[in-house]
Amino acid sequence: GTTGDPATPYEWSQAFADKMDNAVFVTWEGEGHTAYGR
């Protein structure tokens, strides 16, 4: 999840990970949409 993501707000990624049986959650404190590769 990216804290400044406009299109998929950060709280969505948090909720998505929380509801999964076996997920790990990684945060990027940045602006824009998505993190991996940016």
All heavy atoms as atom14 arrays in JSON, in Angstrom:
{
  "sequence": "GTTGDPATPYEWSQAFADKMDNAVFVTWEGEGHTAYGR",
  "atom14_mask": [
    [1, 1, 1, 1, 0, 0, 0, 0, 0, 0, 0, 0, 0, 0],
    [1, 1, 1, 1, 1, 1, 1, 0, 0, 0, 0, 0, 0, 0],
    [1, 1, 1, 1, 1, 1, 1, 0, 0, 0, 0, 0, 0, 0],
    [1, 1, 1, 1, 0, 0, 0, 0, 0, 0, 0, 0, 0, 0],
    [1, 1, 1, 1, 1, 1, 1, 1, 0, 0, 0, 0, 0, 0],
    [1, 1, 1, 1, 1, 1, 1, 0, 0, 0, 0, 0, 0, 0],
    [1, 1, 1, 1, 1, 0, 0, 0, 0, 0, 0, 0, 0, 0],
    [1, 1, 1, 1, 1, 1, 1, 0, 0, 0, 0, 0, 0, 0],
    [1, 1, 1, 1, 1, 1, 1, 0, 0, 0, 0, 0, 0, 0],
    [1, 1, 1, 1, 1, 1, 1, 1, 1, 1, 1, 1, 0, 0],
    [1, 1, 1, 1, 1, 1, 1, 1, 1, 0, 0, 0, 0, 0],
    [1, 1, 1, 1, 1, 1, 1, 1, 1, 1, 1, 1, 1, 1],
    [1, 1, 1, 1, 1, 1, 0, 0, 0, 0, 0, 0, 0, 0],
    [1, 1, 1, 1, 1, 1, 1, 1, 1, 0, 0, 0, 0, 0],
    [1, 1, 1, 1, 1, 0, 0, 0, 0, 0, 0, 0, 0, 0],
    [1, 1, 1, 1, 1, 1, 1, 1, 1, 1, 1, 0, 0, 0],
    [1, 1, 1, 1, 1, 0, 0, 0, 0, 0, 0, 0, 0, 0],
    [1, 1, 1, 1, 1, 1, 1, 1, 0, 0, 0, 0, 0, 0],
    [1, 1, 1, 1, 1, 1, 1, 1, 1, 0, 0, 0, 0, 0],
    [1, 1, 1, 1, 1, 1, 1, 1, 0, 0, 0, 0, 0, 0],
    [1, 1, 1, 1, 1, 1, 1, 1, 0, 0, 0, 0, 0, 0],
    [1, 1, 1, 1, 1, 1, 1, 1, 0, 0, 0, 0, 0, 0],
    [1, 1, 1, 1, 1, 0, 0, 0, 0, 0, 0, 0, 0, 0],
    [1, 1, 1, 1, 1, 1, 1, 0, 0, 0, 0, 0, 0, 0],
    [1, 1, 1, 1, 1, 1, 1, 1, 1, 1, 1, 0, 0, 0],
    [1, 1, 1, 1, 1, 1, 1, 0, 0, 0, 0, 0, 0, 0],
    [1, 1, 1, 1, 1, 1, 1, 0, 0, 0, 0, 0, 0, 0],
    [1, 1, 1, 1, 1, 1, 1, 1, 1, 1, 1, 1, 1, 1],
    [1, 1, 1, 1, 1, 1, 1, 1, 1, 0, 0, 0, 0, 0],
    [1, 1, 1, 1, 0, 0, 0, 0, 0, 0, 0, 0, 0, 0],
    [1, 1, 1, 1, 1, 1, 1, 1, 1, 0, 0, 0, 0, 0],
    [1, 1, 1, 1, 0, 0, 0, 0, 0, 0, 0, 0, 0, 0],
    [1, 1, 1, 1, 1, 1, 1, 1, 1, 1, 0, 0, 0, 0],
    [1, 1, 1, 1, 1, 1, 1, 0, 0, 0, 0, 0, 0, 0],
    [1, 1, 1, 1, 1, 0, 0, 0, 0, 0, 0, 0, 0, 0],
    [1, 1, 1, 1, 1, 1, 1, 1, 1, 1, 1, 1, 0, 0],
    [1, 1, 1, 1, 0, 0, 0, 0, 0, 0, 0, 0, 0, 0],
    [1, 1, 1, 1, 1, 1, 1, 1, 1, 1, 1, 0, 0, 0]
  ],
  "atom14_positions": [
    [[0.83, -1.2, 0.0], [0.0, 0.0, 0.0], [0.86, 1.25, 0.0], [1.94, 1.27, 0.6], [0.0, 0.0, 0.0], [0.0, 0.0, 0.0], [0.0, 0.0, 0.0], [0.0, 0.0, 0.0], [0.0, 0.0, 0.0], [0.0, 0.0, 0.0], [0.0, 0.0, 0.0], [0.0, 0.0, 0.0], [0.0, 0.0, 0.0], [0.0, 0.0, 0.0]],
    [[0.39, 2.3, -0.68], [1.08, 3.59, -0.73], [0.24, 4.63, -0.02], [-0.96, 4.78, -0.33], [1.32, 4.01, -2.2], [2.15, 3.03, -2.84], [1.99, 5.36, -2.29], [0.0, 0.0, 0.0], [0.0, 0.0, 0.0], [0.0, 0.0, 0.0], [0.0, 0.0, 0.0], [0.0, 0.0, 0.0], [0.0, 0.0, 0.0], [0.0, 0.0, 0.0]],
    [[0.84, 5.35, 0.9], [0.07, 6.27, 1.76], [-0.6, 7.38, 0.97], [-1.67, 7.86, 1.36], [0.96, 6.87, 2.85], [2.09, 7.53, 2.24], [1.45, 5.8, 3.82], [0.0, 0.0, 0.0], [0.0, 0.0, 0.0], [0.0, 0.0, 0.0], [0.0, 0.0, 0.0], [0.0, 0.0, 0.0], [0.0, 0.0, 0.0], [0.0, 0.0, 0.0]],
    [[0.01, 7.83, -0.14], [-0.57, 8.91, -0.93], [-1.2, 8.44, -2.23], [-1.28, 9.21, -3.19], [0.0, 0.0, 0.0], [0.0, 0.0, 0.0], [0.0, 0.0, 0.0], [0.0, 0.0, 0.0], [0.0, 0.0, 0.0], [0.0, 0.0, 0.0], [0.0, 0.0, 0.0], [0.0, 0.0, 0.0], [0.0, 0.0, 0.0], [0.0, 0.0, 0.0]],
    [[-1.67, 7.21, -2.26], [-2.25, 6.65, -3.48], [-3.65, 7.23, -3.7], [-4.53, 7.06, -2.87], [-2.33, 5.13, -3.36], [-2.61, 4.44, -4.7], [-3.38, 4.99, -5.5], [-2.05, 3.36, -4.93], [0.0, 0.0, 0.0], [0.0, 0.0, 0.0], [0.0, 0.0, 0.0], [0.0, 0.0, 0.0], [0.0, 0.0, 0.0], [0.0, 0.0, 0.0]],
    [[-3.88, 7.94, -4.83], [-5.21, 8.52, -5.05], [-6.25, 7.53, -5.57], [-7.44, 7.66, -5.28], [-4.93, 9.59, -6.11], [-3.78, 9.07, -6.89], [-2.93, 8.31, -5.89], [0.0, 0.0, 0.0], [0.0, 0.0, 0.0], [0.0, 0.0, 0.0], [0.0, 0.0, 0.0], [0.0, 0.0, 0.0], [0.0, 0.0, 0.0], [0.0, 0.0, 0.0]],
    [[-5.81, 6.54, -6.34], [-6.75, 5.66, -7.04], [-7.14, 4.45, -6.21], [-8.29, 3.98, -6.27], [-6.16, 5.2, -8.37], [0.0, 0.0, 0.0], [0.0, 0.0, 0.0], [0.0, 0.0, 0.0], [0.0, 0.0, 0.0], [0.0, 0.0, 0.0], [0.0, 0.0, 0.0], [0.0, 0.0, 0.0], [0.0, 0.0, 0.0], [0.0, 0.0, 0.0]],
    [[-6.2, 3.91, -5.44], [-6.5, 2.8, -4.53], [-6.01, 3.24, -3.15], [-4.86, 2.98, -2.79], [-5.81, 1.5, -4.97], [-4.41, 1.73, -5.18], [-6.42, 0.98, -6.26], [0.0, 0.0, 0.0], [0.0, 0.0, 0.0], [0.0, 0.0, 0.0], [0.0, 0.0, 0.0], [0.0, 0.0, 0.0], [0.0, 0.0, 0.0], [0.0, 0.0, 0.0]],
    [[-6.86, 3.91, -2.4], [-6.44, 4.5, -1.12], [-5.76, 3.5, -0.19], [-6.09, 2.31, -0.19], [-7.76, 5.02, -0.54], [-8.62, 5.27, -1.74], [-8.26, 4.2, -2.71], [0.0, 0.0, 0.0], [0.0, 0.0, 0.0], [0.0, 0.0, 0.0], [0.0, 0.0, 0.0], [0.0, 0.0, 0.0], [0.0, 0.0, 0.0], [0.0, 0.0, 0.0]],
    [[-4.84, 4.01, 0.58], [-4.01, 3.18, 1.45], [-4.84, 2.26, 2.34], [-4.49, 1.1, 2.55], [-3.13, 4.1, 2.31], [-2.22, 3.41, 3.28], [-1.15, 2.63, 2.84], [-2.42, 3.54, 4.66], [-0.29, 2.01, 3.74], [-1.57, 2.92, 5.57], [-0.52, 2.16, 5.1], [0.33, 1.54, 6.0], [0.0, 0.0, 0.0], [0.0, 0.0, 0.0]],
    [[-5.96, 2.77, 2.84], [-6.77, 1.95, 3.75], [-7.35, 0.72, 3.05], [-7.64, -0.29, 3.7], [-7.89, 2.77, 4.38], [-8.91, 3.37, 3.43], [-8.56, 4.78, 2.98], [-7.35, 5.15, 3.05], [-9.47, 5.51, 2.54], [0.0, 0.0, 0.0], [0.0, 0.0, 0.0], [0.0, 0.0, 0.0], [0.0, 0.0, 0.0], [0.0, 0.0, 0.0]],
    [[-7.5, 0.8, 1.73], [-7.95, -0.38, 0.98], [-6.92, -1.49, 1.07], [-7.27, -2.65, 1.31], [-8.18, -0.03, -0.48], [-9.45, 0.71, -0.79], [-10.38, 1.17, 0.11], [-9.91, 1.08, -2.08], [-11.39, 1.81, -0.55], [-11.13, 1.77, -1.9], [-9.41, 0.92, -3.36], [-11.86, 2.28, -2.97], [-10.14, 1.43, -4.44], [-11.35, 2.1, -4.24]],
    [[-5.66, -1.15, 0.85], [-4.61, -2.16, 0.92], [-4.5, -2.75, 2.32], [-4.3, -3.96, 2.48], [-3.26, -1.56, 0.48], [-3.28, -1.2, -0.88], [0.0, 0.0, 0.0], [0.0, 0.0, 0.0], [0.0, 0.0, 0.0], [0.0, 0.0, 0.0], [0.0, 0.0, 0.0], [0.0, 0.0, 0.0], [0.0, 0.0, 0.0], [0.0, 0.0, 0.0]],
    [[-4.63, -1.9, 3.32], [-4.61, -2.4, 4.7], [-5.73, -3.4, 4.93], [-5.51, -4.49, 5.47], [-4.76, -1.24, 5.67], [-3.56, -0.35, 5.84], [-3.82, 0.78, 6.81], [-4.75, 1.57, 6.65], [-3.0, 0.85, 7.85], [0.0, 0.0, 0.0], [0.0, 0.0, 0.0], [0.0, 0.0, 0.0], [0.0, 0.0, 0.0], [0.0, 0.0, 0.0]],
    [[-6.94, -3.04, 4.52], [-8.09, -3.91, 4.72], [-7.95, -5.21, 3.93], [-8.28, -6.3, 4.42], [-9.38, -3.19, 4.32], [0.0, 0.0, 0.0], [0.0, 0.0, 0.0], [0.0, 0.0, 0.0], [0.0, 0.0, 0.0], [0.0, 0.0, 0.0], [0.0, 0.0, 0.0], [0.0, 0.0, 0.0], [0.0, 0.0, 0.0], [0.0, 0.0, 0.0]],
    [[-7.45, -5.1, 2.7], [-7.25, -6.27, 1.85], [-6.32, -7.26, 2.54], [-6.61, -8.46, 2.62], [-6.65, -5.8, 0.52], [-6.6, -6.83, -0.57], [-7.5, -6.81, -1.61], [-5.61, -7.81, -0.58], [-7.44, -7.74, -2.64], [-5.54, -8.75, -1.6], [-6.46, -8.71, -2.63], [0.0, 0.0, 0.0], [0.0, 0.0, 0.0], [0.0, 0.0, 0.0]],
    [[-5.19, -6.77, 3.05], [-4.21, -7.65, 3.71], [-4.77, -8.23, 5.0], [-4.57, -9.41, 5.31], [-2.93, -6.87, 3.98], [0.0, 0.0, 0.0], [0.0, 0.0, 0.0], [0.0, 0.0, 0.0], [0.0, 0.0, 0.0], [0.0, 0.0, 0.0], [0.0, 0.0, 0.0], [0.0, 0.0, 0.0], [0.0, 0.0, 0.0], [0.0, 0.0, 0.0]],
    [[-5.49, -7.42, 5.76], [-6.04, -7.87, 7.05], [-7.0, -9.03, 6.88], [-7.08, -9.92, 7.74], [-6.75, -6.72, 7.76], [-5.79, -5.7, 8.34], [-4.59, -6.01, 8.45], [-6.23, -4.59, 8.67], [0.0, 0.0, 0.0], [0.0, 0.0, 0.0], [0.0, 0.0, 0.0], [0.0, 0.0, 0.0], [0.0, 0.0, 0.0], [0.0, 0.0, 0.0]],
    [[-7.73, -9.04, 5.78], [-8.77, -10.05, 5.58], [-8.22, -11.36, 5.01], [-8.92, -12.38, 5.04], [-9.86, -9.5, 4.67], [-10.67, -8.37, 5.33], [-11.46, -7.57, 4.32], [-12.14, -6.38, 4.98], [-12.73, -5.44, 4.0], [0.0, 0.0, 0.0], [0.0, 0.0, 0.0], [0.0, 0.0, 0.0], [0.0, 0.0, 0.0], [0.0, 0.0, 0.0]],
    [[-7.0, -11.34, 4.5], [-6.43, -12.54, 3.92], [-5.88, -13.45, 5.01], [-5.43, -13.0, 6.07], [-5.34, -12.21, 2.91], [-5.83, -11.44, 1.7], [-4.7, -11.56, 0.29], [-5.4, -13.0, -0.54], [0.0, 0.0, 0.0], [0.0, 0.0, 0.0], [0.0, 0.0, 0.0], [0.0, 0.0, 0.0], [0.0, 0.0, 0.0], [0.0, 0.0, 0.0]],
    [[-5.92, -14.73, 4.74], [-5.48, -15.73, 5.72], [-3.98, -15.68, 5.95], [-3.5, -15.9, 7.06], [-5.88, -17.13, 5.22], [-5.51, -18.23, 6.2], [-5.86, -18.1, 7.38], [-4.86, -19.2, 5.77], [0.0, 0.0, 0.0], [0.0, 0.0, 0.0], [0.0, 0.0, 0.0], [0.0, 0.0, 0.0], [0.0, 0.0, 0.0], [0.0, 0.0, 0.0]],
    [[-3.21, -15.35, 4.9], [-1.76, -15.46, 5.01], [-1.08, -14.39, 4.17], [-0.36, -14.68, 3.23], [-1.3, -16.85, 4.56], [0.11, -17.17, 5.0], [0.7, -16.46, 5.81], [0.66, -18.23, 4.45], [0.0, 0.0, 0.0], [0.0, 0.0, 0.0], [0.0, 0.0, 0.0], [0.0, 0.0, 0.0], [0.0, 0.0, 0.0], [0.0, 0.0, 0.0]],
    [[-1.33, -13.11, 4.53], [-0.73, -12.0, 3.8], [0.24, -11.25, 4.7], [0.08, -11.2, 5.92], [-1.81, -11.04, 3.31], [0.0, 0.0, 0.0], [0.0, 0.0, 0.0], [0.0, 0.0, 0.0], [0.0, 0.0, 0.0], [0.0, 0.0, 0.0], [0.0, 0.0, 0.0], [0.0, 0.0, 0.0], [0.0, 0.0, 0.0], [0.0, 0.0, 0.0]],
    [[1.28, -10.69, 4.08], [2.15, -9.74, 4.76], [1.94, -8.39, 4.11], [1.7, -8.3, 2.9], [3.63, -10.15, 4.72], [3.83, -11.49, 5.4], [4.14, -10.21, 3.29], [0.0, 0.0, 0.0], [0.0, 0.0, 0.0], [0.0, 0.0, 0.0], [0.0, 0.0, 0.0], [0.0, 0.0, 0.0], [0.0, 0.0, 0.0], [0.0, 0.0, 0.0]],
    [[2.0, -7.33, 4.92], [1.67, -5.99, 4.43], [2.9, -5.1, 4.45], [3.6, -5.01, 5.46], [0.57, -5.37, 5.28], [0.06, -4.06, 4.76], [-0.39, -3.94, 3.46], [0.03, -2.93, 5.58], [-0.85, -2.73, 2.97], [-0.44, -1.72, 5.11], [-0.89, -1.62, 3.8], [0.0, 0.0, 0.0], [0.0, 0.0, 0.0], [0.0, 0.0, 0.0]],
    [[3.15, -4.46, 3.29], [4.3, -3.58, 3.12], [3.79, -2.19, 2.77], [2.88, -2.04, 1.93], [5.22, -4.1, 2.0], [6.34, -3.12, 1.71], [5.78, -5.47, 2.36], [0.0, 0.0, 0.0], [0.0, 0.0, 0.0], [0.0, 0.0, 0.0], [0.0, 0.0, 0.0], [0.0, 0.0, 0.0], [0.0, 0.0, 0.0], [0.0, 0.0, 0.0]],
    [[4.35, -1.16, 3.39], [3.9, 0.22, 3.2], [4.99, 1.06, 2.54], [6.16, 0.99, 2.93], [3.54, 0.87, 4.54], [2.41, 0.2, 5.1], [3.19, 2.35, 4.37], [0.0, 0.0, 0.0], [0.0, 0.0, 0.0], [0.0, 0.0, 0.0], [0.0, 0.0, 0.0], [0.0, 0.0, 0.0], [0.0, 0.0, 0.0], [0.0, 0.0, 0.0]],
    [[4.58, 1.87, 1.55], [5.47, 2.91, 1.02], [4.86, 4.26, 1.36], [3.72, 4.55, 0.99], [5.63, 2.79, -0.49], [6.56, 3.83, -1.05], [7.73, 4.27, -0.5], [6.4, 4.57, -2.27], [8.32, 5.23, -1.29], [7.53, 5.43, -2.39], [5.44, 4.59, -3.27], [7.69, 6.3, -3.47], [5.6, 5.45, -4.35], [6.72, 6.29, -4.44]],
    [[5.6, 5.07, 2.1], [5.18, 6.44, 2.4], [5.59, 7.32, 1.23], [6.69, 7.87, 1.18], [5.82, 6.92, 3.7], [5.33, 6.17, 4.93], [5.88, 6.75, 6.22], [6.4, 7.88, 6.19], [5.8, 6.06, 7.26], [0.0, 0.0, 0.0], [0.0, 0.0, 0.0], [0.0, 0.0, 0.0], [0.0, 0.0, 0.0], [0.0, 0.0, 0.0]],
    [[4.71, 7.41, 0.25], [5.01, 8.16, -0.97], [3.73, 8.65, -1.63], [2.62, 8.4, -1.14], [0.0, 0.0, 0.0], [0.0, 0.0, 0.0], [0.0, 0.0, 0.0], [0.0, 0.0, 0.0], [0.0, 0.0, 0.0], [0.0, 0.0, 0.0], [0.0, 0.0, 0.0], [0.0, 0.0, 0.0], [0.0, 0.0, 0.0], [0.0, 0.0, 0.0]],
    [[3.88, 9.36, -2.73], [2.76, 9.89, -3.49], [2.6, 9.12, -4.79], [3.58, 8.65, -5.38], [2.97, 11.38, -3.8], [3.07, 12.28, -2.57], [1.79, 12.36, -1.78], [0.7, 12.12, -2.37], [1.86, 12.65, -0.56], [0.0, 0.0, 0.0], [0.0, 0.0, 0.0], [0.0, 0.0, 0.0], [0.0, 0.0, 0.0], [0.0, 0.0, 0.0]],
    [[1.37, 9.02, -5.25], [1.1, 8.37, -6.52], [0.54, 6.97, -6.36], [0.35, 6.47, -5.25], [0.0, 0.0, 0.0], [0.0, 0.0, 0.0], [0.0, 0.0, 0.0], [0.0, 0.0, 0.0], [0.0, 0.0, 0.0], [0.0, 0.0, 0.0], [0.0, 0.0, 0.0], [0.0, 0.0, 0.0], [0.0, 0.0, 0.0], [0.0, 0.0, 0.0]],
    [[0.28, 6.35, -7.49], [-0.45, 5.09, -7.55], [0.53, 3.92, -7.62], [1.28, 3.8, -8.6], [-1.35, 5.1, -8.78], [-2.27, 3.93, -8.89], [-2.84, 3.3, -7.8], [-2.73, 3.26, -9.99], [-3.61, 2.31, -8.22], [-3.55, 2.26, -9.55], [0.0, 0.0, 0.0], [0.0, 0.0, 0.0], [0.0, 0.0, 0.0], [0.0, 0.0, 0.0]],
    [[0.55, 3.07, -6.6], [1.35, 1.86, -6.46], [2.81, 2.19, -6.16], [3.25, 3.34, -6.26], [1.26, 0.92, -7.69], [1.97, 1.48, -8.78], [-0.2, 0.69, -8.07], [0.0, 0.0, 0.0], [0.0, 0.0, 0.0], [0.0, 0.0, 0.0], [0.0, 0.0, 0.0], [0.0, 0.0, 0.0], [0.0, 0.0, 0.0], [0.0, 0.0, 0.0]],
    [[3.57, 1.13, -5.79], [4.93, 1.35, -5.3], [5.99, 0.51, -6.01], [7.07, 1.02, -6.34], [4.99, 1.05, -3.79], [0.0, 0.0, 0.0], [0.0, 0.0, 0.0], [0.0, 0.0, 0.0], [0.0, 0.0, 0.0], [0.0, 0.0, 0.0], [0.0, 0.0, 0.0], [0.0, 0.0, 0.0], [0.0, 0.0, 0.0], [0.0, 0.0, 0.0]],
    [[5.74, -0.77, -6.21], [6.76, -1.69, -6.74], [7.19, -1.24, -8.13], [6.37, -1.16, -9.04], [6.18, -3.1, -6.78], [7.16, -4.21, -7.09], [8.49, -4.16, -6.68], [6.75, -5.34, -7.78], [9.38, -5.18, -6.94], [7.62, -6.39, -8.06], [8.93, -6.3, -7.64], [9.8, -7.33, -7.91], [0.0, 0.0, 0.0], [0.0, 0.0, 0.0]],
    [[8.47, -0.92, -8.27], [8.97, -0.38, -9.52], [9.05, 1.13, -9.53], [9.74, 1.71, -10.37], [0.0, 0.0, 0.0], [0.0, 0.0, 0.0], [0.0, 0.0, 0.0], [0.0, 0.0, 0.0], [0.0, 0.0, 0.0], [0.0, 0.0, 0.0], [0.0, 0.0, 0.0], [0.0, 0.0, 0.0], [0.0, 0.0, 0.0], [0.0, 0.0, 0.0]],
    [[8.36, 1.81, -8.58], [8.4, 3.27, -8.47], [9.18, 3.71, -7.25], [9.86, 4.74, -7.27], [6.99, 3.85, -8.4], [6.14, 3.67, -9.64], [4.78, 4.34, -9.46], [4.93, 5.77, -9.21], [4.49, 6.39, -8.14], [3.87, 5.72, -7.18], [4.65, 7.68, -8.0], [0.0, 0.0, 0.0], [0.0, 0.0, 0.0], [0.0, 0.0, 0.0]]
  ]
}
